[in-house]
Amino acid sequence: MDRNAKPQKRALTPRGAATKRRIVEAAASLIYARGVERVSLDDVMEASGASKSQLYHYFDNKDGLVREVIELQASRILQTNALHFERLDSFAALHAWREAMVAANRAWGGVGGCPLGSLANDLAAQSEQARRQLDQSFAAWGMVIEAGLSRMKEMGQLRSCVDARGMAVAVLAAIQGGILLSKTTRNSEPLELALDMALSHIERHAV
């Protein structure tokens, strides 16, 4: 037996998993509203109703909790986008996704911006581990978009020469830039214009 090996954590009970998720969701809401630096573990305990012993049972420190917040926010975004791109079969469906993105931005009121983008702004220069995790999260988001565009290529709606990966990166960049400007203006118009430009570029490659 390797004495230096780290002990494996036991699988969580359903109750334990629910408690952990409640803590992560509370932390995610607070961090989205205030930013990472302005949220303390005491704030998270108060918002989640968790005790200090519970908090440290699930997370070694604040960094560990923040990593779980990144994972949660990434999973939410991927699930939402996958609903559209996994069955993307027309330009009309692409525009329906555009409308959903704009509607979500309006629902946020432009205050918090993109949950992942806000985390990247807070953490990319502060934590290499968080930066890598965020990079992987954005890459996964791009892959969801790329898969949808590739589907349109296979269906003969986009030219076979289309670089689906490059287009996906451009669309993702448009989303982030548009949401950032919408956040500062408290108006969804920058996001709408950015998405319209991205979709117009895609449509120029229609068969």
N, C-alpha and C. Protein backbone atom coordinates (compact mmCIF):
# COMPACT_ATOMS: atom_id res chain seq x y z
N MET A 1 0.84 -1.20 0.00
CA MET A 1 0.00 0.00 0.00
C MET A 1 0.87 1.25 0.00
N ASP A 2 0.56 2.21 -0.87
CA ASP A 2 1.33 3.44 -0.96
C ASP A 2 0.87 4.40 0.14
N ARG A 3 1.76 4.64 1.12
CA ARG A 3 1.39 5.52 2.23
C ARG A 3 1.26 6.98 1.80
N ASN A 4 1.85 7.32 0.65
CA ASN A 4 1.81 8.70 0.17
C ASN A 4 0.58 9.00 -0.68
N ALA A 5 -0.15 7.94 -1.02
CA ALA A 5 -1.33 8.14 -1.85
C ALA A 5 -2.41 8.90 -1.07
N LYS A 6 -3.09 9.80 -1.77
CA LYS A 6 -4.15 10.56 -1.12
C LYS A 6 -5.37 9.68 -0.93
N PRO A 7 -6.02 9.79 0.23
CA PRO A 7 -7.22 8.97 0.45
C PRO A 7 -8.33 9.36 -0.52
N GLN A 8 -9.02 8.36 -1.01
CA GLN A 8 -10.13 8.60 -1.94
C GLN A 8 -11.35 9.09 -1.15
N LYS A 9 -11.99 10.13 -1.66
CA LYS A 9 -13.18 10.64 -1.01
C LYS A 9 -14.35 9.68 -1.25
N ARG A 10 -15.13 9.49 -0.21
CA ARG A 10 -16.29 8.62 -0.34
C ARG A 10 -17.35 9.28 -1.19
N ALA A 11 -18.12 8.44 -1.88
CA ALA A 11 -19.23 8.96 -2.68
C ALA A 11 -20.23 9.64 -1.76
N LEU A 12 -20.81 10.73 -2.23
CA LEU A 12 -21.75 11.47 -1.41
C LEU A 12 -23.09 10.75 -1.32
N THR A 13 -23.70 10.84 -0.19
CA THR A 13 -25.06 10.37 -0.05
C THR A 13 -25.98 11.35 -0.78
N PRO A 14 -27.21 10.95 -1.09
CA PRO A 14 -28.14 11.89 -1.74
C PRO A 14 -28.29 13.18 -0.92
N ARG A 15 -28.34 13.04 0.38
CA ARG A 15 -28.48 14.24 1.23
C ARG A 15 -27.21 15.09 1.16
N GLY A 16 -26.06 14.42 1.17
CA GLY A 16 -24.80 15.15 1.08
C GLY A 16 -24.66 15.86 -0.25
N ALA A 17 -25.05 15.18 -1.33
CA ALA A 17 -24.98 15.79 -2.66
C ALA A 17 -25.89 17.01 -2.75
N ALA A 18 -27.06 16.93 -2.13
CA ALA A 18 -28.00 18.06 -2.15
C ALA A 18 -27.44 19.24 -1.37
N THR A 19 -26.80 18.94 -0.23
CA THR A 19 -26.20 20.00 0.57
C THR A 19 -25.06 20.67 -0.19
N LYS A 20 -24.21 19.86 -0.80
CA LYS A 20 -23.10 20.42 -1.57
C LYS A 20 -23.62 21.29 -2.70
N ARG A 21 -24.61 20.81 -3.42
CA ARG A 21 -25.15 21.59 -4.54
C ARG A 21 -25.76 22.89 -4.05
N ARG A 22 -26.43 22.85 -2.90
CA ARG A 22 -27.03 24.07 -2.35
C ARG A 22 -25.95 25.11 -2.06
N ILE A 23 -24.82 24.66 -1.54
CA ILE A 23 -23.72 25.57 -1.25
C ILE A 23 -23.15 26.16 -2.54
N VAL A 24 -22.94 25.30 -3.54
CA VAL A 24 -22.37 25.76 -4.81
C VAL A 24 -23.32 26.73 -5.50
N GLU A 25 -24.60 26.44 -5.50
CA GLU A 25 -25.57 27.32 -6.14
C GLU A 25 -25.64 28.67 -5.44
N ALA A 26 -25.57 28.66 -4.11
CA ALA A 26 -25.57 29.92 -3.37
C ALA A 26 -24.31 30.72 -3.70
N ALA A 27 -23.17 30.04 -3.75
CA ALA A 27 -21.91 30.71 -4.08
C ALA A 27 -21.96 31.27 -5.49
N ALA A 28 -22.53 30.51 -6.43
CA ALA A 28 -22.62 30.95 -7.82
C ALA A 28 -23.46 32.22 -7.93
N SER A 29 -24.58 32.27 -7.23
CA SER A 29 -25.45 33.45 -7.28
C SER A 29 -24.75 34.67 -6.70
N LEU A 30 -24.08 34.48 -5.58
CA LEU A 30 -23.38 35.60 -4.94
C LEU A 30 -22.23 36.10 -5.82
N ILE A 31 -21.44 35.17 -6.34
CA ILE A 31 -20.29 35.56 -7.17
C ILE A 31 -20.76 36.23 -8.45
N TYR A 32 -21.85 35.77 -9.02
CA TYR A 32 -22.38 36.39 -10.24
C TYR A 32 -22.79 37.83 -9.97
N ALA A 33 -23.37 38.05 -8.80
CA ALA A 33 -23.86 39.39 -8.46
C ALA A 33 -22.75 40.33 -8.00
N ARG A 34 -21.73 39.79 -7.29
CA ARG A 34 -20.74 40.66 -6.65
C ARG A 34 -19.32 40.53 -7.20
N GLY A 35 -19.01 39.38 -7.79
CA GLY A 35 -17.63 39.11 -8.18
C GLY A 35 -16.96 38.23 -7.14
N VAL A 36 -15.93 37.51 -7.55
CA VAL A 36 -15.27 36.53 -6.67
C VAL A 36 -14.69 37.19 -5.43
N GLU A 37 -13.99 38.29 -5.59
CA GLU A 37 -13.29 38.90 -4.47
C GLU A 37 -14.22 39.44 -3.40
N ARG A 38 -15.43 39.78 -3.77
CA ARG A 38 -16.35 40.39 -2.81
C ARG A 38 -17.28 39.38 -2.14
N VAL A 39 -17.00 38.12 -2.36
CA VAL A 39 -17.79 37.06 -1.71
C VAL A 39 -16.88 36.27 -0.78
N SER A 40 -17.25 36.20 0.48
CA SER A 40 -16.48 35.44 1.46
C SER A 40 -17.17 34.11 1.74
N LEU A 41 -16.44 33.22 2.38
CA LEU A 41 -17.06 31.95 2.76
C LEU A 41 -18.17 32.17 3.78
N ASP A 42 -18.03 33.19 4.62
CA ASP A 42 -19.10 33.52 5.56
C ASP A 42 -20.37 33.93 4.82
N ASP A 43 -20.19 34.68 3.73
CA ASP A 43 -21.35 35.07 2.91
C ASP A 43 -22.05 33.83 2.36
N VAL A 44 -21.24 32.87 1.89
CA VAL A 44 -21.80 31.65 1.30
C VAL A 44 -22.53 30.84 2.36
N MET A 45 -21.95 30.75 3.55
CA MET A 45 -22.60 30.01 4.63
C MET A 45 -23.95 30.63 4.99
N GLU A 46 -23.98 31.96 5.05
CA GLU A 46 -25.23 32.64 5.39
C GLU A 46 -26.28 32.42 4.31
N ALA A 47 -25.87 32.52 3.04
CA ALA A 47 -26.82 32.39 1.94
C ALA A 47 -27.33 30.96 1.77
N SER A 48 -26.47 30.00 2.06
CA SER A 48 -26.84 28.59 1.84
C SER A 48 -27.42 27.92 3.09
N GLY A 49 -27.22 28.55 4.23
CA GLY A 49 -27.67 27.94 5.48
C GLY A 49 -26.78 26.80 5.94
N ALA A 50 -25.58 26.73 5.39
CA ALA A 50 -24.63 25.67 5.75
C ALA A 50 -23.76 26.11 6.92
N SER A 51 -23.32 25.15 7.70
CA SER A 51 -22.40 25.44 8.80
C SER A 51 -20.97 25.42 8.29
N LYS A 52 -20.05 25.92 9.11
CA LYS A 52 -18.65 25.93 8.71
C LYS A 52 -18.14 24.50 8.53
N SER A 53 -18.57 23.59 9.39
CA SER A 53 -18.11 22.20 9.28
C SER A 53 -18.62 21.57 7.98
N GLN A 54 -19.84 21.91 7.59
CA GLN A 54 -20.36 21.39 6.32
C GLN A 54 -19.58 21.94 5.15
N LEU A 55 -19.31 23.23 5.18
CA LEU A 55 -18.59 23.88 4.09
C LEU A 55 -17.23 23.24 3.88
N TYR A 56 -16.49 23.05 4.98
CA TYR A 56 -15.15 22.50 4.86
C TYR A 56 -15.15 20.98 4.68
N HIS A 57 -16.29 20.38 4.88
CA HIS A 57 -16.41 18.95 4.58
C HIS A 57 -16.39 18.73 3.07
N TYR A 58 -17.00 19.66 2.33
CA TYR A 58 -17.11 19.51 0.88
C TYR A 58 -16.03 20.26 0.11
N PHE A 59 -15.45 21.29 0.70
CA PHE A 59 -14.48 22.12 -0.01
C PHE A 59 -13.28 22.40 0.89
N ASP A 60 -12.08 22.24 0.33
CA ASP A 60 -10.87 22.48 1.11
C ASP A 60 -10.70 23.95 1.43
N ASN A 61 -11.10 24.81 0.52
CA ASN A 61 -10.93 26.25 0.68
C ASN A 61 -11.81 26.98 -0.33
N LYS A 62 -11.68 28.29 -0.38
CA LYS A 62 -12.51 29.08 -1.30
C LYS A 62 -12.19 28.73 -2.75
N ASP A 63 -10.91 28.49 -3.04
CA ASP A 63 -10.53 28.14 -4.41
C ASP A 63 -11.26 26.88 -4.88
N GLY A 64 -11.37 25.91 -3.99
CA GLY A 64 -12.08 24.68 -4.33
C GLY A 64 -13.55 24.94 -4.62
N LEU A 65 -14.14 25.82 -3.83
CA LEU A 65 -15.54 26.17 -4.04
C LEU A 65 -15.71 26.91 -5.37
N VAL A 66 -14.80 27.82 -5.68
CA VAL A 66 -14.88 28.58 -6.93
C VAL A 66 -14.76 27.65 -8.13
N ARG A 67 -13.92 26.63 -8.03
CA ARG A 67 -13.81 25.66 -9.13
C ARG A 67 -15.14 24.96 -9.37
N GLU A 68 -15.85 24.67 -8.30
CA GLU A 68 -17.17 24.04 -8.44
C GLU A 68 -18.17 25.02 -9.06
N VAL A 69 -18.03 26.30 -8.73
CA VAL A 69 -18.90 27.32 -9.32
C VAL A 69 -18.66 27.41 -10.83
N ILE A 70 -17.39 27.38 -11.24
CA ILE A 70 -17.08 27.40 -12.67
C ILE A 70 -17.74 26.21 -13.36
N GLU A 71 -17.60 25.04 -12.74
CA GLU A 71 -18.19 23.82 -13.33
C GLU A 71 -19.70 23.95 -13.44
N LEU A 72 -20.34 24.49 -12.42
CA LEU A 72 -21.79 24.65 -12.44
C LEU A 72 -22.23 25.61 -13.54
N GLN A 73 -21.58 26.77 -13.61
CA GLN A 73 -21.97 27.76 -14.61
C GLN A 73 -21.72 27.24 -16.02
N ALA A 74 -20.61 26.53 -16.21
CA ALA A 74 -20.31 25.96 -17.53
C ALA A 74 -21.38 24.93 -17.91
N SER A 75 -21.77 24.09 -16.97
CA SER A 75 -22.76 23.05 -17.28
C SER A 75 -24.10 23.66 -17.64
N ARG A 76 -24.46 24.75 -16.97
CA ARG A 76 -25.73 25.42 -17.28
C ARG A 76 -25.71 25.98 -18.71
N ILE A 77 -24.62 26.63 -19.06
CA ILE A 77 -24.51 27.23 -20.40
C ILE A 77 -24.50 26.15 -21.47
N LEU A 78 -23.75 25.09 -21.24
CA LEU A 78 -23.66 24.02 -22.22
C LEU A 78 -25.02 23.35 -22.43
N GLN A 79 -25.75 23.13 -21.35
CA GLN A 79 -27.07 22.51 -21.46
C GLN A 79 -28.02 23.39 -22.26
N THR A 80 -28.00 24.69 -21.97
CA THR A 80 -28.88 25.62 -22.66
C THR A 80 -28.57 25.68 -24.15
N ASN A 81 -27.28 25.78 -24.49
CA ASN A 81 -26.89 25.87 -25.89
C ASN A 81 -27.08 24.55 -26.62
N ALA A 82 -26.86 23.45 -25.92
CA ALA A 82 -27.02 22.13 -26.55
C ALA A 82 -28.46 21.90 -26.99
N LEU A 83 -29.42 22.46 -26.26
CA LEU A 83 -30.82 22.32 -26.64
C LEU A 83 -31.06 22.82 -28.06
N HIS A 84 -30.31 23.84 -28.47
CA HIS A 84 -30.46 24.41 -29.80
C HIS A 84 -29.53 23.75 -30.82
N PHE A 85 -28.27 23.59 -30.46
CA PHE A 85 -27.30 23.15 -31.45
C PHE A 85 -27.29 21.65 -31.71
N GLU A 86 -27.75 20.86 -30.76
CA GLU A 86 -27.78 19.42 -30.99
C GLU A 86 -28.80 19.03 -32.05
N ARG A 87 -29.78 19.89 -32.28
CA ARG A 87 -30.78 19.61 -33.31
C ARG A 87 -30.83 20.71 -34.37
N LEU A 88 -29.72 21.44 -34.48
CA LEU A 88 -29.66 22.53 -35.44
C LEU A 88 -29.81 21.98 -36.86
N ASP A 89 -30.86 22.41 -37.56
CA ASP A 89 -31.12 21.86 -38.89
C ASP A 89 -31.51 22.91 -39.91
N SER A 90 -31.45 24.19 -39.52
CA SER A 90 -31.84 25.24 -40.46
C SER A 90 -31.36 26.59 -39.95
N PHE A 91 -31.38 27.56 -40.85
CA PHE A 91 -31.02 28.92 -40.44
C PHE A 91 -32.09 29.50 -39.52
N ALA A 92 -33.33 29.05 -39.70
CA ALA A 92 -34.40 29.49 -38.82
C ALA A 92 -34.11 29.04 -37.39
N ALA A 93 -33.60 27.82 -37.23
CA ALA A 93 -33.26 27.32 -35.90
C ALA A 93 -32.08 28.10 -35.32
N LEU A 94 -31.16 28.50 -36.18
CA LEU A 94 -30.02 29.30 -35.73
C LEU A 94 -30.50 30.65 -35.21
N HIS A 95 -31.48 31.24 -35.90
CA HIS A 95 -32.03 32.52 -35.45
C HIS A 95 -32.86 32.34 -34.17
N ALA A 96 -33.46 31.19 -33.99
CA ALA A 96 -34.20 30.92 -32.75
C ALA A 96 -33.23 30.90 -31.57
N TRP A 97 -32.05 30.33 -31.79
CA TRP A 97 -31.01 30.34 -30.74
C TRP A 97 -30.60 31.78 -30.45
N ARG A 98 -30.44 32.57 -31.49
CA ARG A 98 -30.07 33.99 -31.32
C ARG A 98 -31.10 34.69 -30.43
N GLU A 99 -32.38 34.45 -30.70
CA GLU A 99 -33.44 35.08 -29.91
C GLU A 99 -33.38 34.62 -28.46
N ALA A 100 -33.05 33.35 -28.24
CA ALA A 100 -32.95 32.83 -26.87
C ALA A 100 -31.80 33.49 -26.13
N MET A 101 -30.67 33.71 -26.82
CA MET A 101 -29.52 34.37 -26.21
C MET A 101 -29.86 35.80 -25.81
N VAL A 102 -30.53 36.51 -26.69
CA VAL A 102 -30.91 37.90 -26.41
C VAL A 102 -31.92 37.95 -25.26
N ALA A 103 -32.88 37.02 -25.27
CA ALA A 103 -33.88 36.99 -24.21
C ALA A 103 -33.23 36.73 -22.85
N ALA A 104 -32.24 35.84 -22.83
CA ALA A 104 -31.53 35.56 -21.57
C ALA A 104 -30.78 36.79 -21.09
N ASN A 105 -30.16 37.50 -22.01
CA ASN A 105 -29.43 38.72 -21.64
C ASN A 105 -30.37 39.77 -21.07
N ARG A 106 -31.54 39.88 -21.68
CA ARG A 106 -32.53 40.84 -21.17
C ARG A 106 -33.01 40.43 -19.78
N ALA A 107 -33.15 39.12 -19.57
CA ALA A 107 -33.61 38.63 -18.28
C ALA A 107 -32.59 38.95 -17.18
N TRP A 108 -31.29 38.90 -17.55
CA TRP A 108 -30.24 39.25 -16.58
C TRP A 108 -30.23 40.76 -16.30
N GLY A 109 -30.87 41.52 -17.17
CA GLY A 109 -30.83 42.96 -17.03
C GLY A 109 -29.47 43.54 -17.40
N GLY A 110 -28.62 42.71 -18.00
CA GLY A 110 -27.29 43.17 -18.38
C GLY A 110 -26.38 43.43 -17.20
N VAL A 111 -26.81 43.09 -15.99
CA VAL A 111 -26.04 43.44 -14.80
C VAL A 111 -24.83 42.54 -14.62
N GLY A 112 -25.02 41.24 -14.67
CA GLY A 112 -23.91 40.33 -14.38
C GLY A 112 -23.10 39.90 -15.58
N GLY A 113 -23.67 40.11 -16.78
CA GLY A 113 -22.97 39.65 -17.97
C GLY A 113 -23.01 38.14 -18.10
N CYS A 114 -22.11 37.60 -18.90
CA CYS A 114 -22.02 36.15 -19.05
C CYS A 114 -21.43 35.55 -17.79
N PRO A 115 -22.05 34.53 -17.20
CA PRO A 115 -21.49 33.93 -15.99
C PRO A 115 -20.05 33.46 -16.16
N LEU A 116 -19.73 32.84 -17.30
CA LEU A 116 -18.35 32.39 -17.54
C LEU A 116 -17.44 33.57 -17.84
N GLY A 117 -17.93 34.52 -18.63
CA GLY A 117 -17.12 35.68 -18.96
C GLY A 117 -16.76 36.49 -17.73
N SER A 118 -17.72 36.64 -16.81
CA SER A 118 -17.46 37.37 -15.58
C SER A 118 -16.42 36.65 -14.72
N LEU A 119 -16.51 35.34 -14.66
CA LEU A 119 -15.53 34.56 -13.91
C LEU A 119 -14.15 34.68 -14.54
N ALA A 120 -14.10 34.68 -15.87
CA ALA A 120 -12.82 34.83 -16.56
C ALA A 120 -12.20 36.19 -16.25
N ASN A 121 -13.02 37.21 -16.23
CA ASN A 121 -12.53 38.56 -15.92
C ASN A 121 -11.96 38.62 -14.51
N ASP A 122 -12.60 37.92 -13.58
CA ASP A 122 -12.14 37.92 -12.18
C ASP A 122 -10.91 37.06 -11.96
N LEU A 123 -10.81 35.95 -12.69
CA LEU A 123 -9.86 34.91 -12.28
C LEU A 123 -8.71 34.63 -13.25
N ALA A 124 -8.86 34.95 -14.52
CA ALA A 124 -7.88 34.52 -15.52
C ALA A 124 -6.46 34.99 -15.21
N ALA A 125 -6.33 36.18 -14.64
CA ALA A 125 -5.00 36.70 -14.32
C ALA A 125 -4.57 36.39 -12.89
N GLN A 126 -5.47 35.78 -12.11
CA GLN A 126 -5.19 35.54 -10.70
C GLN A 126 -4.86 34.09 -10.38
N SER A 127 -5.42 33.17 -11.14
CA SER A 127 -5.27 31.75 -10.85
C SER A 127 -5.08 30.98 -12.14
N GLU A 128 -3.92 30.35 -12.30
CA GLU A 128 -3.66 29.58 -13.50
C GLU A 128 -4.58 28.37 -13.59
N GLN A 129 -4.88 27.77 -12.45
CA GLN A 129 -5.77 26.62 -12.44
C GLN A 129 -7.17 27.02 -12.89
N ALA A 130 -7.66 28.15 -12.38
CA ALA A 130 -8.98 28.63 -12.79
C ALA A 130 -8.97 29.03 -14.26
N ARG A 131 -7.87 29.65 -14.71
CA ARG A 131 -7.78 30.04 -16.12
C ARG A 131 -7.90 28.83 -17.03
N ARG A 132 -7.19 27.75 -16.66
CA ARG A 132 -7.25 26.54 -17.49
C ARG A 132 -8.65 25.95 -17.49
N GLN A 133 -9.29 25.95 -16.33
CA GLN A 133 -10.64 25.40 -16.24
C GLN A 133 -11.61 26.23 -17.08
N LEU A 134 -11.47 27.54 -17.03
CA LEU A 134 -12.33 28.42 -17.84
C LEU A 134 -12.05 28.24 -19.32
N ASP A 135 -10.77 28.08 -19.68
CA ASP A 135 -10.41 27.84 -21.08
C ASP A 135 -11.08 26.57 -21.58
N GLN A 136 -11.06 25.53 -20.77
CA GLN A 136 -11.70 24.27 -21.14
C GLN A 136 -13.22 24.44 -21.25
N SER A 137 -13.78 25.28 -20.38
CA SER A 137 -15.23 25.51 -20.41
C SER A 137 -15.63 26.25 -21.68
N PHE A 138 -14.87 27.27 -22.05
CA PHE A 138 -15.16 27.98 -23.29
C PHE A 138 -14.95 27.08 -24.50
N ALA A 139 -13.92 26.23 -24.44
CA ALA A 139 -13.67 25.30 -25.53
C ALA A 139 -14.84 24.33 -25.69
N ALA A 140 -15.39 23.86 -24.58
CA ALA A 140 -16.54 22.96 -24.63
C ALA A 140 -17.75 23.68 -25.23
N TRP A 141 -17.94 24.93 -24.88
CA TRP A 141 -19.03 25.73 -25.44
C TRP A 141 -18.83 25.86 -26.95
N GLY A 142 -17.61 26.17 -27.36
CA GLY A 142 -17.31 26.27 -28.78
C GLY A 142 -17.58 24.98 -29.52
N MET A 143 -17.29 23.85 -28.88
CA MET A 143 -17.51 22.56 -29.52
C MET A 143 -19.00 22.29 -29.74
N VAL A 144 -19.83 22.77 -28.82
CA VAL A 144 -21.28 22.63 -28.98
C VAL A 144 -21.74 23.40 -30.22
N ILE A 145 -21.24 24.63 -30.36
CA ILE A 145 -21.59 25.44 -31.53
C ILE A 145 -21.04 24.80 -32.81
N GLU A 146 -19.79 24.36 -32.74
CA GLU A 146 -19.16 23.71 -33.89
C GLU A 146 -19.94 22.48 -34.35
N ALA A 147 -20.40 21.69 -33.40
CA ALA A 147 -21.16 20.48 -33.75
C ALA A 147 -22.44 20.84 -34.50
N GLY A 148 -23.11 21.92 -34.08
CA GLY A 148 -24.32 22.33 -34.76
C GLY A 148 -24.05 22.80 -36.18
N LEU A 149 -22.98 23.56 -36.35
CA LEU A 149 -22.63 24.04 -37.69
C LEU A 149 -22.18 22.89 -38.58
N SER A 150 -21.47 21.93 -37.99
CA SER A 150 -21.06 20.75 -38.76
C SER A 150 -22.28 19.96 -39.22
N ARG A 151 -23.29 19.91 -38.38
CA ARG A 151 -24.54 19.23 -38.75
C ARG A 151 -25.16 19.91 -39.97
N MET A 152 -25.14 21.24 -39.99
CA MET A 152 -25.69 21.95 -41.13
C MET A 152 -24.87 21.69 -42.41
N LYS A 153 -23.56 21.52 -42.24
CA LYS A 153 -22.72 21.14 -43.39
C LYS A 153 -23.13 19.77 -43.92
N GLU A 154 -23.31 18.83 -43.02
CA GLU A 154 -23.67 17.47 -43.41
C GLU A 154 -25.03 17.42 -44.09
N MET A 155 -25.92 18.34 -43.71
CA MET A 155 -27.25 18.38 -44.30
C MET A 155 -27.26 19.16 -45.62
N GLY A 156 -26.09 19.69 -45.99
CA GLY A 156 -26.00 20.40 -47.25
C GLY A 156 -26.50 21.83 -47.21
N GLN A 157 -26.60 22.41 -46.00
CA GLN A 157 -27.08 23.79 -45.88
C GLN A 157 -25.92 24.78 -45.84
N LEU A 158 -24.75 24.30 -45.47
CA LEU A 158 -23.54 25.12 -45.50
C LEU A 158 -22.54 24.48 -46.45
N ARG A 159 -21.72 25.29 -47.09
CA ARG A 159 -20.74 24.78 -48.02
C ARG A 159 -19.78 23.81 -47.33
N SER A 160 -19.33 22.83 -48.08
CA SER A 160 -18.44 21.81 -47.52
C SER A 160 -17.09 22.38 -47.09
N CYS A 161 -16.72 23.52 -47.65
CA CYS A 161 -15.42 24.12 -47.31
C CYS A 161 -15.47 24.95 -46.03
N VAL A 162 -16.65 25.10 -45.44
CA VAL A 162 -16.80 25.93 -44.24
C VAL A 162 -15.94 25.39 -43.09
N ASP A 163 -15.23 26.29 -42.43
CA ASP A 163 -14.44 25.95 -41.25
C ASP A 163 -15.36 26.08 -40.03
N ALA A 164 -16.01 25.00 -39.66
CA ALA A 164 -16.99 25.05 -38.56
C ALA A 164 -16.35 25.45 -37.25
N ARG A 165 -15.13 24.99 -37.01
CA ARG A 165 -14.45 25.35 -35.76
C ARG A 165 -14.16 26.84 -35.71
N GLY A 166 -13.61 27.37 -36.82
CA GLY A 166 -13.31 28.80 -36.86
C GLY A 166 -14.56 29.65 -36.70
N MET A 167 -15.64 29.23 -37.34
CA MET A 167 -16.90 29.95 -37.20
C MET A 167 -17.40 29.92 -35.76
N ALA A 168 -17.26 28.76 -35.12
CA ALA A 168 -17.71 28.63 -33.73
C ALA A 168 -16.95 29.56 -32.81
N VAL A 169 -15.64 29.67 -33.01
CA VAL A 169 -14.82 30.58 -32.20
C VAL A 169 -15.27 32.02 -32.43
N ALA A 170 -15.53 32.37 -33.69
CA ALA A 170 -15.98 33.73 -34.01
C ALA A 170 -17.33 34.03 -33.36
N VAL A 171 -18.23 33.07 -33.40
CA VAL A 171 -19.55 33.25 -32.77
C VAL A 171 -19.39 33.44 -31.27
N LEU A 172 -18.54 32.63 -30.66
CA LEU A 172 -18.32 32.73 -29.22
C LEU A 172 -17.72 34.08 -28.86
N ALA A 173 -16.79 34.57 -29.68
CA ALA A 173 -16.19 35.88 -29.45
C ALA A 173 -17.25 36.98 -29.57
N ALA A 174 -18.15 36.83 -30.54
CA ALA A 174 -19.23 37.81 -30.70
C ALA A 174 -20.13 37.83 -29.48
N ILE A 175 -20.42 36.64 -28.96
CA ILE A 175 -21.26 36.55 -27.76
C ILE A 175 -20.61 37.29 -26.60
N GLN A 176 -19.34 37.00 -26.35
CA GLN A 176 -18.66 37.59 -25.21
C GLN A 176 -18.52 39.10 -25.35
N GLY A 177 -18.14 39.55 -26.54
CA GLY A 177 -18.01 40.99 -26.75
C GLY A 177 -19.36 41.69 -26.65
N GLY A 178 -20.37 41.09 -27.25
CA GLY A 178 -21.69 41.68 -27.21
C GLY A 178 -22.26 41.77 -25.80
N ILE A 179 -22.06 40.70 -25.03
CA ILE A 179 -22.57 40.70 -23.65
C ILE A 179 -21.81 41.71 -22.79
N LEU A 180 -20.50 41.83 -23.01
CA LEU A 180 -19.72 42.80 -22.23
C LEU A 180 -20.21 44.22 -22.47
N LEU A 181 -20.42 44.58 -23.74
CA LEU A 181 -20.92 45.92 -24.04
C LEU A 181 -22.34 46.11 -23.53
N SER A 182 -23.15 45.07 -23.60
CA SER A 182 -24.51 45.15 -23.07
C SER A 182 -24.49 45.36 -21.57
N LYS A 183 -23.50 44.75 -20.92
CA LYS A 183 -23.36 44.91 -19.47
C LYS A 183 -23.06 46.35 -19.10
N THR A 184 -22.22 47.01 -19.88
CA THR A 184 -21.85 48.39 -19.56
C THR A 184 -22.92 49.39 -19.96
N THR A 185 -23.68 49.06 -21.01
CA THR A 185 -24.73 49.98 -21.46
C THR A 185 -26.09 49.70 -20.82
N ARG A 186 -26.21 48.52 -20.18
CA ARG A 186 -27.50 48.07 -19.64
C ARG A 186 -28.55 48.00 -20.75
N ASN A 187 -28.10 47.53 -21.91
CA ASN A 187 -28.96 47.47 -23.09
C ASN A 187 -28.52 46.27 -23.91
N SER A 188 -29.47 45.51 -24.43
CA SER A 188 -29.12 44.30 -25.17
C SER A 188 -28.71 44.56 -26.62
N GLU A 189 -28.80 45.82 -27.07
CA GLU A 189 -28.51 46.11 -28.48
C GLU A 189 -27.11 45.67 -28.92
N PRO A 190 -26.04 45.89 -28.13
CA PRO A 190 -24.71 45.43 -28.58
C PRO A 190 -24.66 43.92 -28.84
N LEU A 191 -25.30 43.14 -27.97
CA LEU A 191 -25.33 41.69 -28.19
C LEU A 191 -26.12 41.35 -29.44
N GLU A 192 -27.25 42.01 -29.64
CA GLU A 192 -28.06 41.76 -30.82
C GLU A 192 -27.27 42.04 -32.10
N LEU A 193 -26.55 43.16 -32.13
CA LEU A 193 -25.77 43.53 -33.30
C LEU A 193 -24.63 42.54 -33.53
N ALA A 194 -23.97 42.13 -32.45
CA ALA A 194 -22.86 41.19 -32.57
C ALA A 194 -23.34 39.85 -33.10
N LEU A 195 -24.47 39.36 -32.57
CA LEU A 195 -25.00 38.09 -33.04
C LEU A 195 -25.50 38.18 -34.48
N ASP A 196 -26.11 39.30 -34.82
CA ASP A 196 -26.58 39.48 -36.20
C ASP A 196 -25.41 39.45 -37.17
N MET A 197 -24.31 40.09 -36.81
CA MET A 197 -23.14 40.09 -37.68
C MET A 197 -22.58 38.68 -37.82
N ALA A 198 -22.52 37.95 -36.69
CA ALA A 198 -22.01 36.57 -36.73
C ALA A 198 -22.90 35.68 -37.60
N LEU A 199 -24.20 35.80 -37.44
CA LEU A 199 -25.12 34.97 -38.23
C LEU A 199 -25.10 35.37 -39.70
N SER A 200 -24.92 36.65 -39.98
CA SER A 200 -24.83 37.08 -41.38
C SER A 200 -23.60 36.46 -42.04
N HIS A 201 -22.51 36.38 -41.28
CA HIS A 201 -21.29 35.75 -41.81
C HIS A 201 -21.54 34.27 -42.13
N ILE A 202 -22.24 33.60 -41.23
CA ILE A 202 -22.56 32.18 -41.47
C ILE A 202 -23.45 32.03 -42.71
N GLU A 203 -24.45 32.89 -42.81
CA GLU A 203 -25.40 32.78 -43.91
C GLU A 203 -24.75 33.05 -45.27
N ARG A 204 -23.66 33.81 -45.28
CA ARG A 204 -22.96 34.04 -46.55
C ARG A 204 -22.31 32.76 -47.10
N HIS A 205 -22.25 31.74 -46.24
CA HIS A 205 -21.68 30.45 -46.64
C HIS A 205 -22.76 29.40 -46.90
N ALA A 206 -24.00 29.87 -47.05
CA ALA A 206 -25.09 28.94 -47.34
C ALA A 206 -24.93 28.38 -48.76
N VAL A 207 -25.42 27.18 -48.93
CA VAL A 207 -25.36 26.54 -50.26
C VAL A 207 -26.42 27.16 -51.16
